[in-house]
């Protein structure tokens, strides 16, 4: 799947495996990830594209603001990821 700025992804490798992030930007084979809590907008995590799984999400998210180059806050990102995790747990049961 295509990885682009604003896409919600799940880490598939590394010590952060299973964590959720938004792609802030991409440069070649690397992407820069933010989660609003540990990896904030001012210091994103650099990771290879092949080490993440792209997640499909149809509803409004902070990723929309990232794609449109609008101002987004760490708090918005953190809140969305927390709600997404909660919703995913309900679906799995």
PDB file of N, CA and C in Angstrom:
ATOM      1  N   UNK A   1       0.824  -1.182   0.000  1.00  0.00           N
ATOM      2  CA  UNK A   1       0.000   0.000   0.000  1.00  0.00           C
ATOM      3  C   UNK A   1       0.870   1.248   0.000  1.00  0.00           C
ATOM      4  N   UNK A   2       0.336   2.317  -0.516  1.00  0.00           N
ATOM      5  CA  UNK A   2       1.086   3.555  -0.627  1.00  0.00           C
ATOM      6  C   UNK A   2       1.211   4.235   0.733  1.00  0.00           C
ATOM      7  N   UNK A   3       2.409   4.702   1.030  1.00  0.00           N
ATOM      8  CA  UNK A   3       2.636   5.460   2.255  1.00  0.00           C
ATOM      9  C   UNK A   3       2.822   6.916   1.873  1.00  0.00           C
ATOM     10  N   UNK A   4       2.007   7.778   2.446  1.00  0.00           N
ATOM     11  CA  UNK A   4       2.112   9.205   2.175  1.00  0.00           C
ATOM     12  C   UNK A   4       1.851   9.964   3.466  1.00  0.00           C
ATOM     13  N   UNK A   5       2.190  11.225   3.489  1.00  0.00           N
ATOM     14  CA  UNK A   5       1.991  12.049   4.669  1.00  0.00           C
ATOM     15  C   UNK A   5       0.528  11.990   5.113  1.00  0.00           C
ATOM     16  N   UNK A   6       0.319  11.843   6.415  1.00  0.00           N
ATOM     17  CA  UNK A   6      -1.029  11.794   6.968  1.00  0.00           C
ATOM     18  C   UNK A   6      -1.613  10.404   7.089  1.00  0.00           C
ATOM     19  N   UNK A   7      -0.916   9.388   6.614  1.00  0.00           N
ATOM     20  CA  UNK A   7      -1.411   8.016   6.665  1.00  0.00           C
ATOM     21  C   UNK A   7      -1.208   7.430   8.060  1.00  0.00           C
ATOM     22  N   UNK A   8      -2.201   6.710   8.556  1.00  0.00           N
ATOM     23  CA  UNK A   8      -2.105   6.006   9.833  1.00  0.00           C
ATOM     24  C   UNK A   8      -1.405   4.680   9.578  1.00  0.00           C
ATOM     25  N   UNK A   9      -0.356   4.387  10.367  1.00  0.00           N
ATOM     26  CA  UNK A   9       0.400   3.155  10.188  1.00  0.00           C
ATOM     27  C   UNK A   9       0.616   2.467  11.533  1.00  0.00           C
ATOM     28  N   UNK A  10       0.944   1.177  11.447  1.00  0.00           N
ATOM     29  CA  UNK A  10       1.281   0.380  12.621  1.00  0.00           C
ATOM     30  C   UNK A  10       2.692  -0.149  12.415  1.00  0.00           C
ATOM     31  N   UNK A  11       3.533  -0.002  13.422  1.00  0.00           N
ATOM     32  CA  UNK A  11       4.903  -0.467  13.327  1.00  0.00           C
ATOM     33  C   UNK A  11       4.929  -1.988  13.269  1.00  0.00           C
ATOM     34  N   UNK A  12       5.655  -2.545  12.304  1.00  0.00           N
ATOM     35  CA  UNK A  12       5.730  -3.992  12.116  1.00  0.00           C
ATOM     36  C   UNK A  12       7.069  -4.563  12.553  1.00  0.00           C
ATOM     37  N   UNK A  13       8.019  -3.701  12.902  1.00  0.00           N
ATOM     38  CA  UNK A  13       9.347  -4.174  13.297  1.00  0.00           C
ATOM     39  C   UNK A  13       9.983  -3.176  14.253  1.00  0.00           C
ATOM     40  N   UNK A  14      10.903  -3.675  15.056  1.00  0.00           N
ATOM     41  CA  UNK A  14      11.630  -2.826  15.980  1.00  0.00           C
ATOM     42  C   UNK A  14      11.061  -2.874  17.383  1.00  0.00           C
ATOM     43  N   UNK A  15      11.658  -2.116  18.292  1.00  0.00           N
ATOM     44  CA  UNK A  15      11.213  -2.133  19.682  1.00  0.00           C
ATOM     45  C   UNK A  15       9.830  -1.523  19.864  1.00  0.00           C
ATOM     46  N   UNK A  16       9.365  -0.767  18.879  1.00  0.00           N
ATOM     47  CA  UNK A  16       8.039  -0.151  18.941  1.00  0.00           C
ATOM     48  C   UNK A  16       6.985  -0.950  18.166  1.00  0.00           C
ATOM     49  N   UNK A  17       7.271  -2.212  17.883  1.00  0.00           N
ATOM     50  CA  UNK A  17       6.365  -3.064  17.113  1.00  0.00           C
ATOM     51  C   UNK A  17       4.966  -3.045  17.738  1.00  0.00           C
ATOM     52  N   UNK A  18       3.959  -2.835  16.894  1.00  0.00           N
ATOM     53  CA  UNK A  18       2.576  -2.800  17.361  1.00  0.00           C
ATOM     54  C   UNK A  18       2.082  -1.400  17.713  1.00  0.00           C
ATOM     55  N   UNK A  19       2.969  -0.415  17.707  1.00  0.00           N
ATOM     56  CA  UNK A  19       2.585   0.962  18.017  1.00  0.00           C
ATOM     57  C   UNK A  19       1.988   1.637  16.785  1.00  0.00           C
ATOM     58  N   UNK A  20       1.121   2.608  17.028  1.00  0.00           N
ATOM     59  CA  UNK A  20       0.457   3.342  15.950  1.00  0.00           C
ATOM     60  C   UNK A  20       1.079   4.725  15.793  1.00  0.00           C
ATOM     61  N   UNK A  21       1.195   5.172  14.545  1.00  0.00           N
ATOM     62  CA  UNK A  21       1.780   6.464  14.229  1.00  0.00           C
ATOM     63  C   UNK A  21       1.081   7.068  13.022  1.00  0.00           C
ATOM     64  N   UNK A  22       1.263   8.370  12.852  1.00  0.00           N
ATOM     65  CA  UNK A  22       0.904   9.046  11.608  1.00  0.00           C
ATOM     66  C   UNK A  22       2.204   9.386  10.894  1.00  0.00           C
ATOM     67  N   UNK A  23       2.185   9.281   9.581  1.00  0.00           N
ATOM     68  CA  UNK A  23       3.352   9.674   8.802  1.00  0.00           C
ATOM     69  C   UNK A  23       3.338  11.196   8.677  1.00  0.00           C
ATOM     70  N   UNK A  24       4.417  11.812   9.122  1.00  0.00           N
ATOM     71  CA  UNK A  24       4.539  13.265   9.041  1.00  0.00           C
ATOM     72  C   UNK A  24       5.076  13.684   7.674  1.00  0.00           C
ATOM     73  N   UNK A  25       6.111  12.967   7.214  1.00  0.00           N
ATOM     74  CA  UNK A  25       6.681  13.229   5.882  1.00  0.00           C
ATOM     75  C   UNK A  25       7.485  12.011   5.448  1.00  0.00           C
ATOM     76  N   UNK A  26       7.874  11.996   4.186  1.00  0.00           N
ATOM     77  CA  UNK A  26       8.692  10.900   3.681  1.00  0.00           C
ATOM     78  C   UNK A  26       9.857  11.448   2.885  1.00  0.00           C
ATOM     79  N   UNK A  27      10.971  10.729   2.952  1.00  0.00           N
ATOM     80  CA  UNK A  27      12.177  11.094   2.211  1.00  0.00           C
ATOM     81  C   UNK A  27      12.819   9.811   1.719  1.00  0.00           C
ATOM     82  N   UNK A  28      12.682   9.535   0.450  1.00  0.00           N
ATOM     83  CA  UNK A  28      13.258   8.326  -0.129  1.00  0.00           C
ATOM     84  C   UNK A  28      12.633   7.082   0.477  1.00  0.00           C
ATOM     85  N   UNK A  29      13.461   6.185   1.022  1.00  0.00           N
ATOM     86  CA  UNK A  29      12.941   4.952   1.612  1.00  0.00           C
ATOM     87  C   UNK A  29      12.567   5.118   3.083  1.00  0.00           C
ATOM     88  N   UNK A  30      12.729   6.330   3.617  1.00  0.00           N
ATOM     89  CA  UNK A  30      12.424   6.591   5.022  1.00  0.00           C
ATOM     90  C   UNK A  30      11.158   7.426   5.175  1.00  0.00           C
ATOM     91  N   UNK A  31      10.487   7.226   6.302  1.00  0.00           N
ATOM     92  CA  UNK A  31       9.341   8.038   6.677  1.00  0.00           C
ATOM     93  C   UNK A  31       9.578   8.562   8.083  1.00  0.00           C
ATOM     94  N   UNK A  32       8.945   9.661   8.407  1.00  0.00           N
ATOM     95  CA  UNK A  32       9.053  10.265   9.729  1.00  0.00           C
ATOM     96  C   UNK A  32       7.697  10.153  10.406  1.00  0.00           C
ATOM     97  N   UNK A  33       7.681   9.526  11.583  1.00  0.00           N
ATOM     98  CA  UNK A  33       6.450   9.163  12.265  1.00  0.00           C
ATOM     99  C   UNK A  33       6.244   9.962  13.542  1.00  0.00           C
ATOM    100  N   UNK A  34       4.974  10.252  13.851  1.00  0.00           N
ATOM    101  CA  UNK A  34       4.615  10.924  15.098  1.00  0.00           C
ATOM    102  C   UNK A  34       3.445  10.196  15.746  1.00  0.00           C
ATOM    103  N   UNK A  35       3.453  10.163  17.091  1.00  0.00           N
ATOM    104  CA  UNK A  35       2.327   9.586  17.818  1.00  0.00           C
ATOM    105  C   UNK A  35       1.735  10.565  18.825  1.00  0.00           C
ATOM    106  N   UNK A  36       2.331  11.753  18.948  1.00  0.00           N
ATOM    107  CA  UNK A  36       1.804  12.774  19.839  1.00  0.00           C
ATOM    108  C   UNK A  36       2.193  12.591  21.292  1.00  0.00           C
ATOM    109  N   UNK A  37       2.720  11.441  21.651  1.00  0.00           N
ATOM    110  CA  UNK A  37       3.080  11.174  23.042  1.00  0.00           C
ATOM    111  C   UNK A  37       4.584  11.027  23.195  1.00  0.00           C
ATOM    112  N   UNK A  38       5.153   9.982  22.629  1.00  0.00           N
ATOM    113  CA  UNK A  38       6.592   9.739  22.726  1.00  0.00           C
ATOM    114  C   UNK A  38       7.346  10.354  21.554  1.00  0.00           C
ATOM    115  N   UNK A  39       6.755  10.307  20.400  1.00  0.00           N
ATOM    116  CA  UNK A  39       7.346  10.907  19.200  1.00  0.00           C
ATOM    117  C   UNK A  39       6.455  12.069  18.791  1.00  0.00           C
ATOM    118  N   UNK A  40       6.911  13.250  19.135  1.00  0.00           N
ATOM    119  CA  UNK A  40       6.124  14.456  18.938  1.00  0.00           C
ATOM    120  C   UNK A  40       6.479  15.121  17.599  1.00  0.00           C
ATOM    121  N   UNK A  41       5.709  16.117  17.234  1.00  0.00           N
ATOM    122  CA  UNK A  41       5.897  16.805  15.958  1.00  0.00           C
ATOM    123  C   UNK A  41       7.266  17.455  15.836  1.00  0.00           C
ATOM    124  N   UNK A  42       7.847  17.892  16.943  1.00  0.00           N
ATOM    125  CA  UNK A  42       9.149  18.557  16.883  1.00  0.00           C
ATOM    126  C   UNK A  42      10.321  17.579  16.807  1.00  0.00           C
ATOM    127  N   UNK A  43      10.070  16.281  17.031  1.00  0.00           N
ATOM    128  CA  UNK A  43      11.150  15.283  16.987  1.00  0.00           C
ATOM    129  C   UNK A  43      10.579  13.936  16.515  1.00  0.00           C
ATOM    130  N   UNK A  44      10.215  13.830  15.224  1.00  0.00           N
ATOM    131  CA  UNK A  44       9.594  12.594  14.723  1.00  0.00           C
ATOM    132  C   UNK A  44      10.577  11.422  14.656  1.00  0.00           C
ATOM    133  N   UNK A  45      10.025  10.212  14.614  1.00  0.00           N
ATOM    134  CA  UNK A  45      10.821   8.983  14.522  1.00  0.00           C
ATOM    135  C   UNK A  45      11.095   8.659  13.059  1.00  0.00           C
ATOM    136  N   UNK A  46      12.344   8.389  12.737  1.00  0.00           N
ATOM    137  CA  UNK A  46      12.740   8.018  11.377  1.00  0.00           C
ATOM    138  C   UNK A  46      12.691   6.495  11.280  1.00  0.00           C
ATOM    139  N   UNK A  47      11.999   5.977  10.272  1.00  0.00           N
ATOM    140  CA  UNK A  47      11.840   4.531  10.113  1.00  0.00           C
ATOM    141  C   UNK A  47      11.755   4.200   8.635  1.00  0.00           C
ATOM    142  N   UNK A  48      12.212   3.005   8.261  1.00  0.00           N
ATOM    143  CA  UNK A  48      12.093   2.572   6.866  1.00  0.00           C
ATOM    144  C   UNK A  48      10.635   2.222   6.554  1.00  0.00           C
ATOM    145  N   UNK A  49      10.223   2.528   5.330  1.00  0.00           N
ATOM    146  CA  UNK A  49       8.846   2.276   4.906  1.00  0.00           C
ATOM    147  C   UNK A  49       8.466   0.809   5.035  1.00  0.00           C
ATOM    148  N   UNK A  50       9.417  -0.086   4.775  1.00  0.00           N
ATOM    149  CA  UNK A  50       9.098  -1.517   4.795  1.00  0.00           C
ATOM    150  C   UNK A  50       8.818  -2.032   6.204  1.00  0.00           C
ATOM    151  N   UNK A  51       9.074  -1.234   7.235  1.00  0.00           N
ATOM    152  CA  UNK A  51       8.868  -1.662   8.615  1.00  0.00           C
ATOM    153  C   UNK A  51       7.554  -1.191   9.215  1.00  0.00           C
ATOM    154  N   UNK A  52       6.627  -0.734   8.373  1.00  0.00           N
ATOM    155  CA  UNK A  52       5.309  -0.321   8.859  1.00  0.00           C
ATOM    156  C   UNK A  52       4.205  -0.935   8.001  1.00  0.00           C
ATOM    157  N   UNK A  53       3.037  -1.110   8.617  1.00  0.00           N
ATOM    158  CA  UNK A  53       1.832  -1.570   7.913  1.00  0.00           C
ATOM    159  C   UNK A  53       0.894  -0.379   7.773  1.00  0.00           C
ATOM    160  N   UNK A  54       0.402  -0.133   6.579  1.00  0.00           N
ATOM    161  CA  UNK A  54      -0.550   0.943   6.359  1.00  0.00           C
ATOM    162  C   UNK A  54      -1.931   0.496   6.806  1.00  0.00           C
ATOM    163  N   UNK A  55      -2.629   1.362   7.536  1.00  0.00           N
ATOM    164  CA  UNK A  55      -3.979   1.059   8.007  1.00  0.00           C
ATOM    165  C   UNK A  55      -4.976   1.913   7.244  1.00  0.00           C
ATOM    166  N   UNK A  56      -6.100   1.341   6.898  1.00  0.00           N
ATOM    167  CA  UNK A  56      -7.143   2.087   6.209  1.00  0.00           C
ATOM    168  C   UNK A  56      -8.066   2.726   7.245  1.00  0.00           C
ATOM    169  N   UNK A  57      -8.316   3.996   7.070  1.00  0.00           N
ATOM    170  CA  UNK A  57      -9.213   4.704   7.979  1.00  0.00           C
ATOM    171  C   UNK A  57      -9.982   5.714   7.164  1.00  0.00           C
ATOM    172  N   UNK A  58     -11.301   5.569   7.137  1.00  0.00           N
ATOM    173  CA  UNK A  58     -12.152   6.387   6.279  1.00  0.00           C
ATOM    174  C   UNK A  58     -12.616   7.682   6.947  1.00  0.00           C
ATOM    175  N   UNK A  59     -12.683   7.692   8.269  1.00  0.00           N
ATOM    176  CA  UNK A  59     -13.243   8.836   8.982  1.00  0.00           C
ATOM    177  C   UNK A  59     -12.226   9.966   9.106  1.00  0.00           C
ATOM    178  N   UNK A  60     -12.707  11.110   9.557  1.00  0.00           N
ATOM    179  CA  UNK A  60     -11.868  12.289   9.771  1.00  0.00           C
ATOM    180  C   UNK A  60     -10.771  11.980  10.789  1.00  0.00           C
ATOM    181  N   UNK A  61      -9.555  12.424  10.500  1.00  0.00           N
ATOM    182  CA  UNK A  61      -8.432  12.190  11.398  1.00  0.00           C
ATOM    183  C   UNK A  61      -7.430  13.336  11.287  1.00  0.00           C
ATOM    184  N   UNK A  62      -6.484  13.422  12.227  1.00  0.00           N
ATOM    185  CA  UNK A  62      -5.436  14.438  12.112  1.00  0.00           C
ATOM    186  C   UNK A  62      -4.609  14.272  10.834  1.00  0.00           C
ATOM    187  N   UNK A  63      -4.625  13.088  10.254  1.00  0.00           N
ATOM    188  CA  UNK A  63      -3.911  12.854   9.002  1.00  0.00           C
ATOM    189  C   UNK A  63      -4.402  13.753   7.886  1.00  0.00           C
ATOM    190  N   UNK A  64      -5.684  14.099   7.917  1.00  0.00           N
ATOM    191  CA  UNK A  64      -6.237  15.012   6.913  1.00  0.00           C
ATOM    192  C   UNK A  64      -5.546  16.370   6.998  1.00  0.00           C
ATOM    193  N   UNK A  65      -5.338  16.855   8.220  1.00  0.00           N
ATOM    194  CA  UNK A  65      -4.663  18.141   8.414  1.00  0.00           C
ATOM    195  C   UNK A  65      -3.198  18.066   7.965  1.00  0.00           C
ATOM    196  N   UNK A  66      -2.558  16.928   8.240  1.00  0.00           N
ATOM    197  CA  UNK A  66      -1.157  16.769   7.833  1.00  0.00           C
ATOM    198  C   UNK A  66      -1.052  16.819   6.316  1.00  0.00           C
ATOM    199  N   UNK A  67      -1.951  16.106   5.625  1.00  0.00           N
ATOM    200  CA  UNK A  67      -1.938  16.098   4.157  1.00  0.00           C
ATOM    201  C   UNK A  67      -2.176  17.487   3.572  1.00  0.00           C
ATOM    202  N   UNK A  68      -3.032  18.270   4.223  1.00  0.00           N
ATOM    203  CA  UNK A  68      -3.392  19.597   3.717  1.00  0.00           C
ATOM    204  C   UNK A  68      -2.453  20.690   4.231  1.00  0.00           C
ATOM    205  N   UNK A  69      -1.386  20.298   4.940  1.00  0.00           N
ATOM    206  CA  UNK A  69      -0.416  21.241   5.514  1.00  0.00           C
ATOM    207  C   UNK A  69      -1.067  22.249   6.450  1.00  0.00           C
ATOM    208  N   UNK A  70      -2.100  21.827   7.175  1.00  0.00           N
ATOM    209  CA  UNK A  70      -2.735  22.665   8.186  1.00  0.00           C
ATOM    210  C   UNK A  70      -2.080  22.388   9.528  1.00  0.00           C
ATOM    211  N   UNK A  71      -2.289  23.279  10.468  1.00  0.00           N
ATOM    212  CA  UNK A  71      -1.698  23.121  11.796  1.00  0.00           C
ATOM    213  C   UNK A  71      -2.400  21.974  12.541  1.00  0.00           C
ATOM    214  N   UNK A  72      -1.596  21.055  13.034  1.00  0.00           N
ATOM    215  CA  UNK A  72      -2.098  19.938  13.829  1.00  0.00           C
ATOM    216  C   UNK A  72      -1.269  19.901  15.109  1.00  0.00           C
ATOM    217  N   UNK A  73      -1.876  19.478  16.212  1.00  0.00           N
ATOM    218  CA  UNK A  73      -1.159  19.449  17.488  1.00  0.00           C
ATOM    219  C   UNK A  73      -0.867  18.013  17.911  1.00  0.00           C
ATOM    220  N   UNK A  74       0.123  17.882  18.792  1.00  0.00           N
ATOM    221  CA  UNK A  74       0.447  16.570  19.353  1.00  0.00           C
ATOM    222  C   UNK A  74      -0.756  16.010  20.107  1.00  0.00           C
ATOM    223  N   UNK A  75      -1.493  16.877  20.785  1.00  0.00           N
ATOM    224  CA  UNK A  75      -2.660  16.441  21.556  1.00  0.00           C
ATOM    225  C   UNK A  75      -3.729  15.818  20.646  1.00  0.00           C
ATOM    226  N   UNK A  76      -3.969  16.401  19.476  1.00  0.00           N
ATOM    227  CA  UNK A  76      -4.946  15.850  18.528  1.00  0.00           C
ATOM    228  C   UNK A  76      -4.523  14.453  18.068  1.00  0.00           C
ATOM    229  N   UNK A  77      -3.249  14.320  17.753  1.00  0.00           N
ATOM    230  CA  UNK A  77      -2.715  13.037  17.279  1.00  0.00           C
ATOM    231  C   UNK A  77      -2.824  11.995  18.379  1.00  0.00           C
ATOM    232  N   UNK A  78      -2.390  12.349  19.592  1.00  0.00           N
ATOM    233  CA  UNK A  78      -2.417  11.420  20.726  1.00  0.00           C
ATOM    234  C   UNK A  78      -3.847  10.976  21.026  1.00  0.00           C
ATOM    235  N   UNK A  79      -4.781  11.919  21.020  1.00  0.00           N
ATOM    236  CA  UNK A  79      -6.183  11.596  21.296  1.00  0.00           C
ATOM    237  C   UNK A  79      -6.764  10.658  20.234  1.00  0.00           C
ATOM    238  N   UNK A  80      -6.478  10.940  18.967  1.00  0.00           N
ATOM    239  CA  UNK A  80      -7.000  10.089  17.901  1.00  0.00           C
ATOM    240  C   UNK A  80      -6.467   8.662  18.014  1.00  0.00           C
ATOM    241  N   UNK A  81      -5.165   8.511  18.244  1.00  0.00           N
ATOM    242  CA  UNK A  81      -4.566   7.173  18.343  1.00  0.00           C
ATOM    243  C   UNK A  81      -5.137   6.421  19.544  1.00  0.00           C
ATOM    244  N   UNK A  82      -5.325   7.114  20.667  1.00  0.00           N
ATOM    245  CA  UNK A  82      -5.913   6.481  21.853  1.00  0.00           C
ATOM    246  C   UNK A  82      -7.330   5.974  21.545  1.00  0.00           C
ATOM    247  N   UNK A  83      -8.132   6.781  20.880  1.00  0.00           N
ATOM    248  CA  UNK A  83      -9.499   6.375  20.511  1.00  0.00           C
ATOM    249  C   UNK A  83      -9.483   5.242  19.490  1.00  0.00           C
ATOM    250  N   UNK A  84      -8.556   5.290  18.545  1.00  0.00           N
ATOM    251  CA  UNK A  84      -8.450   4.245  17.531  1.00  0.00           C
ATOM    252  C   UNK A  84      -8.121   2.908  18.181  1.00  0.00           C
ATOM    253  N   UNK A  85      -7.180   2.899  19.124  1.00  0.00           N
ATOM    254  CA  UNK A  85      -6.820   1.660  19.833  1.00  0.00           C
ATOM    255  C   UNK A  85      -8.027   1.089  20.576  1.00  0.00           C
ATOM    256  N   UNK A  86      -8.759   1.961  21.246  1.00  0.00           N
ATOM    257  CA  UNK A  86      -9.928   1.542  22.017  1.00  0.00           C
ATOM    258  C   UNK A  86     -10.976   0.904  21.088  1.00  0.00           C
ATOM    259  N   UNK A  87     -11.213   1.552  19.947  1.00  0.00           N
ATOM    260  CA  UNK A  87     -12.196   1.047  18.993  1.00  0.00           C
ATOM    261  C   UNK A  87     -11.751  -0.287  18.400  1.00  0.00           C
ATOM    262  N   UNK A  88     -10.446  -0.429  18.134  1.00  0.00           N
ATOM    263  CA  UNK A  88      -9.915  -1.660  17.575  1.00  0.00           C
ATOM    264  C   UNK A  88     -10.073  -2.818  18.575  1.00  0.00           C
ATOM    265  N   UNK A  89      -9.902  -2.551  19.860  1.00  0.00           N
ATOM    266  CA  UNK A  89     -10.059  -3.595  20.867  1.00  0.00           C
ATOM    267  C   UNK A  89     -11.509  -4.078  20.936  1.00  0.00           C
ATOM    268  N   UNK A  90     -12.449  -3.155  20.777  1.00  0.00           N
ATOM    269  CA  UNK A  90     -13.869  -3.529  20.806  1.00  0.00           C
ATOM    270  C   UNK A  90     -14.202  -4.406  19.611  1.00  0.00           C
ATOM    271  N   UNK A  91     -13.674  -4.093  18.459  1.00  0.00           N
ATOM    272  CA  UNK A  91     -13.934  -4.857  17.233  1.00  0.00           C
ATOM    273  C   UNK A  91     -13.368  -6.265  17.339  1.00  0.00           C
ATOM    274  N   UNK A  92     -12.201  -6.411  17.956  1.00  0.00           N
ATOM    275  CA  UNK A  92     -11.560  -7.730  18.058  1.00  0.00           C
ATOM    276  C   UNK A  92     -12.295  -8.694  18.977  1.00  0.00           C
ATOM    277  N   UNK A  93     -13.047  -8.193  19.934  1.00  0.00           N
ATOM    278  CA  UNK A  93     -13.726  -9.068  20.899  1.00  0.00           C
ATOM    279  C   UNK A  93     -14.845  -9.814  20.309  1.00  0.00           C
TER     280      UNK A  93
END
